[in-house]
């Protein structure tokens, strides 16, 4: 009986050690999140401004993108228009400008790590003499970490508990058999 007890407890502790490794010490994988936070599509008259707001927490990496196109790519004489241009400003929750880009042609993309929690605001202003279409969106591009073997580790630890009980039972039975025999 003593041998059964020792083998059972050895197996249980091997499962626990493997479980601890898988659950808390195994390699970490990081994949970008790409979760959309906010989006807008609007037509902007000449000189008009559109706003897009989004909530985030400090330390979150966000990507924002805006693109512009003409409703009518030619003027009243049928001549092609210059590239649609716009300006874009990003404000932090306290209203300070943290990014300003003037005379953007067609498209703009940028990623930042937010320093403050709260509602951030993006302002897009039409710099053309005709109406343009603006599509803008904000994405959360943070990279959460995962441990693919973590569920296996938890299962190993969970399965070791009854095996420890079995090993202790084997040890107790041996002591009782000795005392009665």
N, C-alpha and C. Protein backbone atom coordinates (compact mmCIF):
# COMPACT_ATOMS: atom_id res chain seq x y z
N UNK A 1 0.80 -1.20 0.00
CA UNK A 1 0.00 0.00 0.00
C UNK A 1 0.85 1.27 0.00
N UNK A 2 1.97 1.21 0.68
CA UNK A 2 2.83 2.38 0.75
C UNK A 2 3.32 2.76 -0.64
N UNK A 3 3.61 1.79 -1.49
CA UNK A 3 4.07 2.05 -2.84
C UNK A 3 2.97 2.73 -3.65
N UNK A 4 1.72 2.26 -3.50
CA UNK A 4 0.60 2.88 -4.21
C UNK A 4 0.45 4.34 -3.81
N UNK A 5 0.59 4.60 -2.54
CA UNK A 5 0.48 5.96 -2.02
C UNK A 5 1.57 6.86 -2.61
N UNK A 6 2.79 6.39 -2.64
CA UNK A 6 3.91 7.18 -3.16
C UNK A 6 3.74 7.45 -4.66
N UNK A 7 3.36 6.44 -5.41
CA UNK A 7 3.18 6.60 -6.86
C UNK A 7 2.03 7.57 -7.14
N UNK A 8 0.92 7.41 -6.44
CA UNK A 8 -0.25 8.27 -6.64
C UNK A 8 0.09 9.73 -6.34
N UNK A 9 0.77 9.97 -5.22
CA UNK A 9 1.13 11.35 -4.87
C UNK A 9 2.15 11.92 -5.86
N UNK A 10 3.06 11.09 -6.36
CA UNK A 10 4.02 11.56 -7.37
C UNK A 10 3.30 11.99 -8.64
N UNK A 11 2.34 11.18 -9.08
CA UNK A 11 1.55 11.54 -10.27
C UNK A 11 0.79 12.83 -10.03
N UNK A 12 0.18 12.98 -8.86
CA UNK A 12 -0.59 14.18 -8.55
C UNK A 12 0.28 15.42 -8.56
N UNK A 13 1.44 15.35 -7.94
CA UNK A 13 2.31 16.52 -7.90
C UNK A 13 2.92 16.83 -9.27
N UNK A 14 3.11 15.79 -10.09
CA UNK A 14 3.56 16.03 -11.47
C UNK A 14 2.49 16.78 -12.25
N UNK A 15 1.22 16.40 -12.05
CA UNK A 15 0.12 17.11 -12.70
C UNK A 15 0.05 18.56 -12.21
N UNK A 16 0.24 18.77 -10.92
CA UNK A 16 0.19 20.13 -10.38
C UNK A 16 1.31 20.98 -10.97
N UNK A 17 2.53 20.46 -11.00
CA UNK A 17 3.65 21.23 -11.55
C UNK A 17 3.43 21.53 -13.03
N UNK A 18 2.96 20.54 -13.78
CA UNK A 18 2.67 20.78 -15.21
C UNK A 18 1.57 21.82 -15.34
N UNK A 19 0.54 21.71 -14.51
CA UNK A 19 -0.56 22.67 -14.56
C UNK A 19 -0.12 24.08 -14.25
N UNK A 20 0.73 24.23 -13.26
CA UNK A 20 1.26 25.56 -12.92
C UNK A 20 2.05 26.14 -14.09
N UNK A 21 2.86 25.31 -14.73
CA UNK A 21 3.61 25.80 -15.90
C UNK A 21 2.66 26.23 -17.01
N UNK A 22 1.71 25.36 -17.36
CA UNK A 22 0.80 25.68 -18.46
C UNK A 22 -0.06 26.90 -18.16
N UNK A 23 -0.52 27.02 -16.93
CA UNK A 23 -1.43 28.11 -16.59
C UNK A 23 -0.74 29.45 -16.42
N UNK A 24 0.45 29.47 -15.82
CA UNK A 24 1.06 30.77 -15.48
C UNK A 24 2.44 31.02 -16.06
N UNK A 25 3.10 30.02 -16.59
CA UNK A 25 4.47 30.22 -17.07
C UNK A 25 4.66 29.90 -18.56
N UNK A 26 3.62 29.43 -19.22
CA UNK A 26 3.76 29.07 -20.64
C UNK A 26 3.92 30.32 -21.50
N UNK A 27 4.40 30.16 -22.75
CA UNK A 27 4.62 31.32 -23.62
C UNK A 27 3.32 32.10 -23.88
N UNK A 28 3.47 33.40 -24.08
CA UNK A 28 2.34 34.30 -24.29
C UNK A 28 2.26 34.66 -25.77
N UNK A 29 1.05 34.61 -26.31
CA UNK A 29 0.81 35.06 -27.68
C UNK A 29 0.09 36.40 -27.63
N UNK A 30 0.49 37.32 -28.51
CA UNK A 30 -0.17 38.62 -28.60
C UNK A 30 -0.63 38.83 -30.03
N UNK A 31 -1.94 39.07 -30.18
CA UNK A 31 -2.53 39.31 -31.48
C UNK A 31 -3.24 40.66 -31.46
N UNK A 32 -3.13 41.46 -32.53
CA UNK A 32 -3.86 42.74 -32.55
C UNK A 32 -5.36 42.50 -32.46
N UNK A 33 -6.04 43.45 -31.84
CA UNK A 33 -7.46 43.33 -31.55
C UNK A 33 -8.35 43.78 -32.72
N UNK A 34 -8.11 44.91 -33.30
CA UNK A 34 -8.88 45.50 -34.41
C UNK A 34 -10.37 45.54 -34.13
N UNK A 35 -10.76 46.15 -33.04
CA UNK A 35 -12.17 46.30 -32.70
C UNK A 35 -12.61 47.73 -33.01
N UNK A 36 -13.66 47.87 -33.81
CA UNK A 36 -14.13 49.20 -34.19
C UNK A 36 -14.79 49.88 -32.99
N UNK A 37 -14.38 51.14 -32.75
CA UNK A 37 -14.91 51.91 -31.63
C UNK A 37 -15.96 52.91 -32.11
N UNK A 38 -15.67 53.59 -33.23
CA UNK A 38 -16.58 54.62 -33.74
C UNK A 38 -16.44 54.71 -35.25
N UNK A 39 -17.52 55.17 -35.91
CA UNK A 39 -17.51 55.31 -37.37
C UNK A 39 -18.50 56.40 -37.76
N UNK A 40 -18.16 57.11 -38.83
CA UNK A 40 -19.08 58.09 -39.40
C UNK A 40 -18.87 58.18 -40.90
N UNK A 41 -19.96 58.43 -41.61
CA UNK A 41 -19.92 58.72 -43.05
C UNK A 41 -20.83 59.92 -43.25
N UNK A 42 -20.28 60.97 -43.81
CA UNK A 42 -21.05 62.20 -43.95
C UNK A 42 -20.59 62.99 -45.16
N UNK A 43 -21.48 63.86 -45.64
CA UNK A 43 -21.12 64.80 -46.68
C UNK A 43 -20.80 66.13 -46.04
N UNK A 44 -19.69 66.74 -46.46
CA UNK A 44 -19.28 68.04 -45.89
C UNK A 44 -19.31 69.10 -46.97
N UNK A 45 -20.07 70.16 -46.72
CA UNK A 45 -20.09 71.32 -47.61
C UNK A 45 -18.72 72.01 -47.51
N UNK A 46 -18.46 72.91 -48.44
CA UNK A 46 -17.18 73.64 -48.43
C UNK A 46 -17.01 74.37 -47.10
N UNK A 47 -15.88 74.14 -46.43
CA UNK A 47 -15.57 74.80 -45.16
C UNK A 47 -16.25 74.21 -43.94
N UNK A 48 -17.11 73.22 -44.10
CA UNK A 48 -17.84 72.65 -42.97
C UNK A 48 -16.95 71.69 -42.17
N UNK A 49 -17.36 71.44 -40.93
CA UNK A 49 -16.61 70.56 -40.04
C UNK A 49 -17.51 69.45 -39.51
N UNK A 50 -16.97 68.24 -39.43
CA UNK A 50 -17.67 67.09 -38.86
C UNK A 50 -16.88 66.61 -37.65
N UNK A 51 -17.61 66.11 -36.65
CA UNK A 51 -16.96 65.62 -35.44
C UNK A 51 -17.27 64.15 -35.22
N UNK A 52 -16.30 63.45 -34.69
CA UNK A 52 -16.44 62.05 -34.32
C UNK A 52 -15.86 61.91 -32.92
N UNK A 53 -16.64 61.36 -31.98
CA UNK A 53 -16.15 61.19 -30.61
C UNK A 53 -16.07 59.70 -30.29
N UNK A 54 -15.15 59.37 -29.40
CA UNK A 54 -15.00 57.99 -28.95
C UNK A 54 -14.44 57.98 -27.53
N UNK A 55 -14.87 56.98 -26.76
CA UNK A 55 -14.41 56.80 -25.39
C UNK A 55 -13.30 55.76 -25.35
N UNK A 56 -12.30 56.02 -24.54
CA UNK A 56 -11.21 55.06 -24.36
C UNK A 56 -10.56 55.26 -23.00
N UNK A 57 -9.71 54.34 -22.64
CA UNK A 57 -8.99 54.43 -21.36
C UNK A 57 -7.52 54.75 -21.64
N UNK A 58 -6.84 55.24 -20.64
CA UNK A 58 -5.43 55.58 -20.78
C UNK A 58 -4.61 54.34 -21.11
N UNK A 59 -3.66 54.50 -22.01
CA UNK A 59 -2.77 53.40 -22.37
C UNK A 59 -3.29 52.52 -23.49
N UNK A 60 -4.46 52.80 -24.01
CA UNK A 60 -5.06 52.01 -25.10
C UNK A 60 -4.52 52.52 -26.44
N UNK A 61 -4.13 51.60 -27.32
CA UNK A 61 -3.66 51.98 -28.64
C UNK A 61 -4.84 52.02 -29.59
N UNK A 62 -5.05 53.17 -30.22
CA UNK A 62 -6.15 53.33 -31.17
C UNK A 62 -5.61 53.80 -32.51
N UNK A 63 -6.29 53.39 -33.56
CA UNK A 63 -5.96 53.80 -34.92
C UNK A 63 -7.17 54.54 -35.47
N UNK A 64 -6.94 55.66 -36.13
CA UNK A 64 -8.05 56.35 -36.75
C UNK A 64 -7.70 56.62 -38.20
N UNK A 65 -8.74 56.58 -39.02
CA UNK A 65 -8.57 56.72 -40.45
C UNK A 65 -9.70 57.56 -41.01
N UNK A 66 -9.40 58.38 -42.00
CA UNK A 66 -10.41 59.19 -42.68
C UNK A 66 -10.05 59.23 -44.15
N UNK A 67 -11.07 59.14 -45.00
CA UNK A 67 -10.83 59.29 -46.43
C UNK A 67 -11.92 60.16 -47.03
N UNK A 68 -11.54 60.86 -48.08
CA UNK A 68 -12.45 61.82 -48.71
C UNK A 68 -12.58 61.54 -50.20
N UNK A 69 -13.76 61.82 -50.72
CA UNK A 69 -13.99 61.73 -52.17
C UNK A 69 -15.04 62.77 -52.54
N UNK A 70 -15.03 63.17 -53.79
CA UNK A 70 -16.01 64.14 -54.27
C UNK A 70 -17.31 63.44 -54.62
N UNK A 71 -18.41 64.17 -54.40
CA UNK A 71 -19.69 63.65 -54.91
C UNK A 71 -19.70 63.73 -56.43
N UNK A 72 -19.16 64.84 -56.93
CA UNK A 72 -19.02 65.03 -58.37
C UNK A 72 -17.57 65.39 -58.63
N UNK A 73 -16.80 64.47 -59.28
CA UNK A 73 -15.36 64.70 -59.44
C UNK A 73 -14.99 65.74 -60.51
N UNK A 74 -15.98 66.43 -61.09
CA UNK A 74 -15.66 67.47 -62.09
C UNK A 74 -16.35 68.77 -61.70
N UNK A 75 -15.82 69.89 -62.19
CA UNK A 75 -16.45 71.17 -61.92
C UNK A 75 -17.59 71.41 -62.90
N UNK A 76 -18.18 72.62 -62.85
CA UNK A 76 -19.34 72.92 -63.70
C UNK A 76 -18.99 72.93 -65.19
N UNK A 77 -17.68 73.00 -65.54
CA UNK A 77 -17.25 72.98 -66.94
C UNK A 77 -16.78 71.60 -67.37
N UNK A 78 -16.92 70.61 -66.49
CA UNK A 78 -16.52 69.25 -66.83
C UNK A 78 -15.04 68.96 -66.60
N UNK A 79 -14.31 69.90 -66.01
CA UNK A 79 -12.89 69.72 -65.73
C UNK A 79 -12.72 68.94 -64.41
N UNK A 80 -11.74 68.01 -64.36
CA UNK A 80 -11.55 67.26 -63.10
C UNK A 80 -11.07 68.19 -61.98
N UNK A 81 -11.56 67.94 -60.79
CA UNK A 81 -11.18 68.73 -59.62
C UNK A 81 -9.86 68.22 -59.05
N UNK A 82 -9.19 69.09 -58.32
CA UNK A 82 -7.98 68.67 -57.61
C UNK A 82 -8.36 67.63 -56.57
N UNK A 83 -7.36 66.97 -56.03
CA UNK A 83 -7.60 65.95 -55.01
C UNK A 83 -8.39 66.55 -53.85
N UNK A 84 -9.40 65.85 -53.35
CA UNK A 84 -10.15 66.38 -52.20
C UNK A 84 -9.21 66.49 -51.00
N UNK A 85 -9.26 67.62 -50.33
CA UNK A 85 -8.38 67.80 -49.17
C UNK A 85 -9.21 68.20 -47.95
N UNK A 86 -8.67 67.84 -46.81
CA UNK A 86 -9.34 68.15 -45.55
C UNK A 86 -8.29 68.28 -44.47
N UNK A 87 -8.69 68.85 -43.35
CA UNK A 87 -7.80 68.90 -42.19
C UNK A 87 -8.42 68.03 -41.10
N UNK A 88 -7.56 67.48 -40.26
CA UNK A 88 -8.04 66.60 -39.19
C UNK A 88 -7.32 66.98 -37.89
N UNK A 89 -8.12 67.10 -36.83
CA UNK A 89 -7.58 67.43 -35.50
C UNK A 89 -8.09 66.41 -34.51
N UNK A 90 -7.22 66.00 -33.59
CA UNK A 90 -7.59 65.06 -32.54
C UNK A 90 -7.43 65.78 -31.19
N UNK A 91 -8.50 65.74 -30.40
CA UNK A 91 -8.51 66.39 -29.09
C UNK A 91 -8.55 65.33 -27.99
N UNK A 92 -7.82 65.59 -26.89
CA UNK A 92 -7.89 64.70 -25.74
C UNK A 92 -9.12 65.07 -24.90
N UNK A 93 -9.44 64.31 -23.84
CA UNK A 93 -10.65 64.60 -23.05
C UNK A 93 -10.68 65.99 -22.42
N UNK A 94 -9.53 66.60 -22.19
CA UNK A 94 -9.53 67.94 -21.60
C UNK A 94 -9.58 69.03 -22.67
N UNK A 95 -9.74 68.68 -23.94
CA UNK A 95 -9.92 69.65 -25.01
C UNK A 95 -8.64 70.14 -25.67
N UNK A 96 -7.50 69.61 -25.31
CA UNK A 96 -6.24 70.02 -25.92
C UNK A 96 -6.01 69.26 -27.22
N UNK A 97 -5.46 69.95 -28.21
CA UNK A 97 -5.16 69.30 -29.49
C UNK A 97 -3.92 68.43 -29.31
N UNK A 98 -4.05 67.14 -29.60
CA UNK A 98 -2.89 66.25 -29.48
C UNK A 98 -2.35 65.83 -30.85
N UNK A 99 -3.12 66.14 -31.92
CA UNK A 99 -2.65 65.86 -33.28
C UNK A 99 -3.40 66.78 -34.22
N UNK A 100 -2.65 67.41 -35.14
CA UNK A 100 -3.25 68.32 -36.11
C UNK A 100 -2.59 68.09 -37.46
N UNK A 101 -3.38 67.76 -38.46
CA UNK A 101 -2.85 67.52 -39.80
C UNK A 101 -3.66 68.36 -40.78
N UNK A 102 -2.98 69.26 -41.49
CA UNK A 102 -3.64 70.15 -42.46
C UNK A 102 -3.43 69.63 -43.89
N UNK A 103 -4.35 69.98 -44.77
CA UNK A 103 -4.27 69.69 -46.21
C UNK A 103 -3.98 68.22 -46.51
N UNK A 104 -4.78 67.35 -45.94
CA UNK A 104 -4.68 65.92 -46.22
C UNK A 104 -5.40 65.65 -47.54
N UNK A 105 -4.73 64.97 -48.45
CA UNK A 105 -5.34 64.62 -49.73
C UNK A 105 -5.81 63.17 -49.69
N UNK A 106 -7.05 62.95 -50.04
CA UNK A 106 -7.70 61.64 -50.14
C UNK A 106 -7.83 60.89 -48.82
N UNK A 107 -6.72 60.49 -48.19
CA UNK A 107 -6.85 59.61 -47.03
C UNK A 107 -5.80 59.92 -45.97
N UNK A 108 -6.15 59.59 -44.72
CA UNK A 108 -5.24 59.80 -43.58
C UNK A 108 -5.44 58.66 -42.60
N UNK A 109 -4.33 58.10 -42.13
CA UNK A 109 -4.37 57.05 -41.11
C UNK A 109 -3.26 57.31 -40.11
N UNK A 110 -3.58 57.13 -38.82
CA UNK A 110 -2.58 57.33 -37.78
C UNK A 110 -2.97 56.48 -36.58
N UNK A 111 -1.99 56.08 -35.80
CA UNK A 111 -2.24 55.32 -34.57
C UNK A 111 -1.56 56.03 -33.42
N UNK A 112 -2.24 56.07 -32.29
CA UNK A 112 -1.67 56.70 -31.09
C UNK A 112 -1.97 55.81 -29.88
N UNK A 113 -1.23 56.02 -28.82
CA UNK A 113 -1.54 55.41 -27.53
C UNK A 113 -2.10 56.52 -26.66
N UNK A 114 -3.34 56.35 -26.21
CA UNK A 114 -3.99 57.41 -25.45
C UNK A 114 -3.32 57.60 -24.09
N UNK A 115 -3.20 58.84 -23.70
CA UNK A 115 -2.58 59.17 -22.42
C UNK A 115 -3.61 59.42 -21.32
N UNK A 116 -4.85 59.78 -21.72
CA UNK A 116 -5.89 60.10 -20.76
C UNK A 116 -7.13 59.25 -21.03
N UNK A 117 -7.84 58.89 -19.98
CA UNK A 117 -9.12 58.21 -20.13
C UNK A 117 -10.20 59.25 -20.39
N UNK A 118 -11.23 58.87 -21.14
CA UNK A 118 -12.34 59.77 -21.38
C UNK A 118 -12.73 59.82 -22.84
N UNK A 119 -13.50 60.85 -23.18
CA UNK A 119 -14.02 61.02 -24.53
C UNK A 119 -13.06 61.87 -25.36
N UNK A 120 -12.51 61.28 -26.40
CA UNK A 120 -11.65 61.98 -27.34
C UNK A 120 -12.51 62.46 -28.50
N UNK A 121 -12.07 63.51 -29.18
CA UNK A 121 -12.85 64.07 -30.28
C UNK A 121 -11.95 64.25 -31.50
N UNK A 122 -12.49 63.89 -32.66
CA UNK A 122 -11.81 64.12 -33.94
C UNK A 122 -12.65 65.12 -34.72
N UNK A 123 -12.01 66.18 -35.24
CA UNK A 123 -12.68 67.16 -36.10
C UNK A 123 -12.10 67.07 -37.49
N UNK A 124 -12.97 66.96 -38.47
CA UNK A 124 -12.55 66.90 -39.87
C UNK A 124 -13.20 68.08 -40.58
N UNK A 125 -12.36 68.92 -41.23
CA UNK A 125 -12.85 70.12 -41.89
C UNK A 125 -12.58 70.05 -43.38
N UNK A 126 -13.60 70.34 -44.18
CA UNK A 126 -13.49 70.35 -45.64
C UNK A 126 -12.73 71.60 -46.07
N UNK A 127 -11.63 71.45 -46.81
CA UNK A 127 -10.82 72.57 -47.27
C UNK A 127 -11.05 72.88 -48.75
N UNK A 128 -12.07 72.26 -49.35
CA UNK A 128 -12.35 72.42 -50.78
C UNK A 128 -13.45 73.45 -51.01
N UNK A 129 -13.66 73.79 -52.28
CA UNK A 129 -14.74 74.70 -52.66
C UNK A 129 -16.01 73.95 -53.03
N UNK A 130 -16.02 72.64 -52.91
CA UNK A 130 -17.21 71.85 -53.22
C UNK A 130 -17.41 70.79 -52.14
N UNK A 131 -18.57 70.18 -52.16
CA UNK A 131 -18.93 69.19 -51.16
C UNK A 131 -18.13 67.91 -51.36
N UNK A 132 -17.65 67.35 -50.23
CA UNK A 132 -16.94 66.08 -50.28
C UNK A 132 -17.63 65.07 -49.36
N UNK A 133 -17.38 63.81 -49.61
CA UNK A 133 -17.87 62.73 -48.77
C UNK A 133 -16.73 62.28 -47.87
N UNK A 134 -16.99 62.19 -46.57
CA UNK A 134 -15.97 61.77 -45.60
C UNK A 134 -16.41 60.46 -44.96
N UNK A 135 -15.51 59.51 -44.91
CA UNK A 135 -15.69 58.27 -44.16
C UNK A 135 -14.58 58.23 -43.12
N UNK A 136 -14.95 58.12 -41.87
CA UNK A 136 -13.95 58.09 -40.80
C UNK A 136 -14.31 57.01 -39.80
N UNK A 137 -13.28 56.37 -39.26
CA UNK A 137 -13.52 55.36 -38.22
C UNK A 137 -12.34 55.30 -37.27
N UNK A 138 -12.61 54.77 -36.07
CA UNK A 138 -11.60 54.61 -35.03
C UNK A 138 -11.62 53.14 -34.61
N UNK A 139 -10.43 52.54 -34.49
CA UNK A 139 -10.32 51.14 -34.09
C UNK A 139 -9.42 51.02 -32.87
N UNK A 140 -9.77 50.07 -32.00
CA UNK A 140 -8.90 49.67 -30.91
C UNK A 140 -7.93 48.64 -31.48
N UNK A 141 -6.63 48.96 -31.48
CA UNK A 141 -5.63 48.05 -32.04
C UNK A 141 -4.67 47.55 -30.96
N UNK A 142 -5.15 47.52 -29.73
CA UNK A 142 -4.31 47.01 -28.65
C UNK A 142 -4.07 45.51 -28.86
N UNK A 143 -3.03 45.00 -28.24
CA UNK A 143 -2.67 43.59 -28.40
C UNK A 143 -2.81 42.87 -27.07
N UNK A 144 -3.97 42.27 -26.83
CA UNK A 144 -4.13 41.52 -25.58
C UNK A 144 -3.28 40.26 -25.61
N UNK A 145 -2.80 39.86 -24.46
CA UNK A 145 -1.96 38.66 -24.41
C UNK A 145 -2.81 37.46 -23.98
N UNK A 146 -2.51 36.34 -24.58
CA UNK A 146 -3.21 35.09 -24.24
C UNK A 146 -2.19 33.99 -24.04
N UNK A 147 -2.55 33.04 -23.22
CA UNK A 147 -1.75 31.83 -23.02
C UNK A 147 -2.59 30.67 -23.56
N UNK A 148 -2.23 30.13 -24.72
CA UNK A 148 -3.06 29.09 -25.31
C UNK A 148 -3.14 27.82 -24.46
N UNK A 149 -2.14 27.55 -23.61
CA UNK A 149 -2.15 26.33 -22.80
C UNK A 149 -2.76 26.54 -21.42
N UNK A 150 -3.26 27.74 -21.13
CA UNK A 150 -3.80 28.03 -19.80
C UNK A 150 -4.96 27.12 -19.42
N UNK A 151 -5.93 26.86 -20.31
CA UNK A 151 -7.01 25.94 -19.90
C UNK A 151 -6.51 24.53 -19.57
N UNK A 152 -5.50 24.07 -20.28
CA UNK A 152 -4.92 22.75 -19.99
C UNK A 152 -4.30 22.75 -18.59
N UNK A 153 -3.61 23.82 -18.24
CA UNK A 153 -3.01 23.93 -16.91
C UNK A 153 -4.05 23.90 -15.82
N UNK A 154 -5.16 24.62 -16.02
CA UNK A 154 -6.21 24.61 -15.02
C UNK A 154 -6.81 23.21 -14.88
N UNK A 155 -6.98 22.54 -16.01
CA UNK A 155 -7.53 21.18 -15.98
C UNK A 155 -6.57 20.23 -15.24
N UNK A 156 -5.26 20.34 -15.48
CA UNK A 156 -4.28 19.50 -14.78
C UNK A 156 -4.35 19.71 -13.27
N UNK A 157 -4.40 20.97 -12.86
CA UNK A 157 -4.47 21.27 -11.42
C UNK A 157 -5.77 20.71 -10.84
N UNK A 158 -6.87 20.89 -11.52
CA UNK A 158 -8.16 20.38 -11.07
C UNK A 158 -8.14 18.85 -10.95
N UNK A 159 -7.53 18.18 -11.91
CA UNK A 159 -7.49 16.72 -11.89
C UNK A 159 -6.54 16.19 -10.82
N UNK A 160 -5.57 16.98 -10.39
CA UNK A 160 -4.63 16.52 -9.37
C UNK A 160 -5.26 16.44 -7.99
N UNK A 161 -6.29 17.23 -7.74
CA UNK A 161 -6.91 17.28 -6.41
C UNK A 161 -7.46 15.90 -6.00
N UNK A 162 -8.29 15.22 -6.81
CA UNK A 162 -8.77 13.90 -6.36
C UNK A 162 -7.64 12.85 -6.30
N UNK A 163 -6.62 13.01 -7.11
CA UNK A 163 -5.51 12.05 -7.07
C UNK A 163 -4.73 12.21 -5.77
N UNK A 164 -4.58 13.45 -5.30
CA UNK A 164 -3.94 13.66 -3.98
C UNK A 164 -4.79 12.99 -2.90
N UNK A 165 -6.10 13.16 -2.99
CA UNK A 165 -6.99 12.50 -2.03
C UNK A 165 -6.84 10.99 -2.06
N UNK A 166 -6.71 10.43 -3.27
CA UNK A 166 -6.52 8.99 -3.40
C UNK A 166 -5.20 8.55 -2.76
N UNK A 167 -4.12 9.32 -2.98
CA UNK A 167 -2.82 9.00 -2.38
C UNK A 167 -2.88 9.05 -0.87
N UNK A 168 -3.56 10.04 -0.31
CA UNK A 168 -3.71 10.14 1.15
C UNK A 168 -4.54 8.96 1.66
N UNK A 169 -5.59 8.60 0.94
CA UNK A 169 -6.41 7.46 1.34
C UNK A 169 -5.59 6.17 1.37
N UNK A 170 -4.74 5.97 0.32
CA UNK A 170 -3.87 4.79 0.32
C UNK A 170 -2.97 4.78 1.54
N UNK A 171 -2.43 5.94 1.92
CA UNK A 171 -1.55 6.01 3.09
C UNK A 171 -2.32 5.71 4.38
N UNK A 172 -3.54 6.21 4.51
CA UNK A 172 -4.35 5.97 5.71
C UNK A 172 -4.75 4.50 5.80
N UNK A 173 -5.13 3.90 4.69
CA UNK A 173 -5.51 2.48 4.69
C UNK A 173 -4.33 1.63 5.16
N UNK A 174 -3.13 1.95 4.74
CA UNK A 174 -1.93 1.20 5.14
C UNK A 174 -1.73 1.30 6.65
N UNK A 175 -1.92 2.51 7.19
CA UNK A 175 -1.75 2.68 8.64
C UNK A 175 -2.82 1.89 9.39
N UNK A 176 -4.08 1.92 8.91
CA UNK A 176 -5.15 1.18 9.57
C UNK A 176 -4.94 -0.33 9.48
N UNK A 177 -4.46 -0.82 8.34
CA UNK A 177 -4.21 -2.26 8.17
C UNK A 177 -3.12 -2.69 9.11
N UNK A 178 -2.07 -1.88 9.29
CA UNK A 178 -0.97 -2.21 10.20
C UNK A 178 -1.46 -2.28 11.64
N UNK A 179 -2.30 -1.33 12.05
CA UNK A 179 -2.74 -1.27 13.44
C UNK A 179 -3.74 -2.39 13.76
N UNK A 180 -4.54 -2.86 12.82
CA UNK A 180 -5.49 -3.94 13.09
C UNK A 180 -4.86 -5.30 12.91
N UNK A 181 -3.79 -5.40 12.16
CA UNK A 181 -3.18 -6.71 11.86
C UNK A 181 -2.16 -7.08 12.82
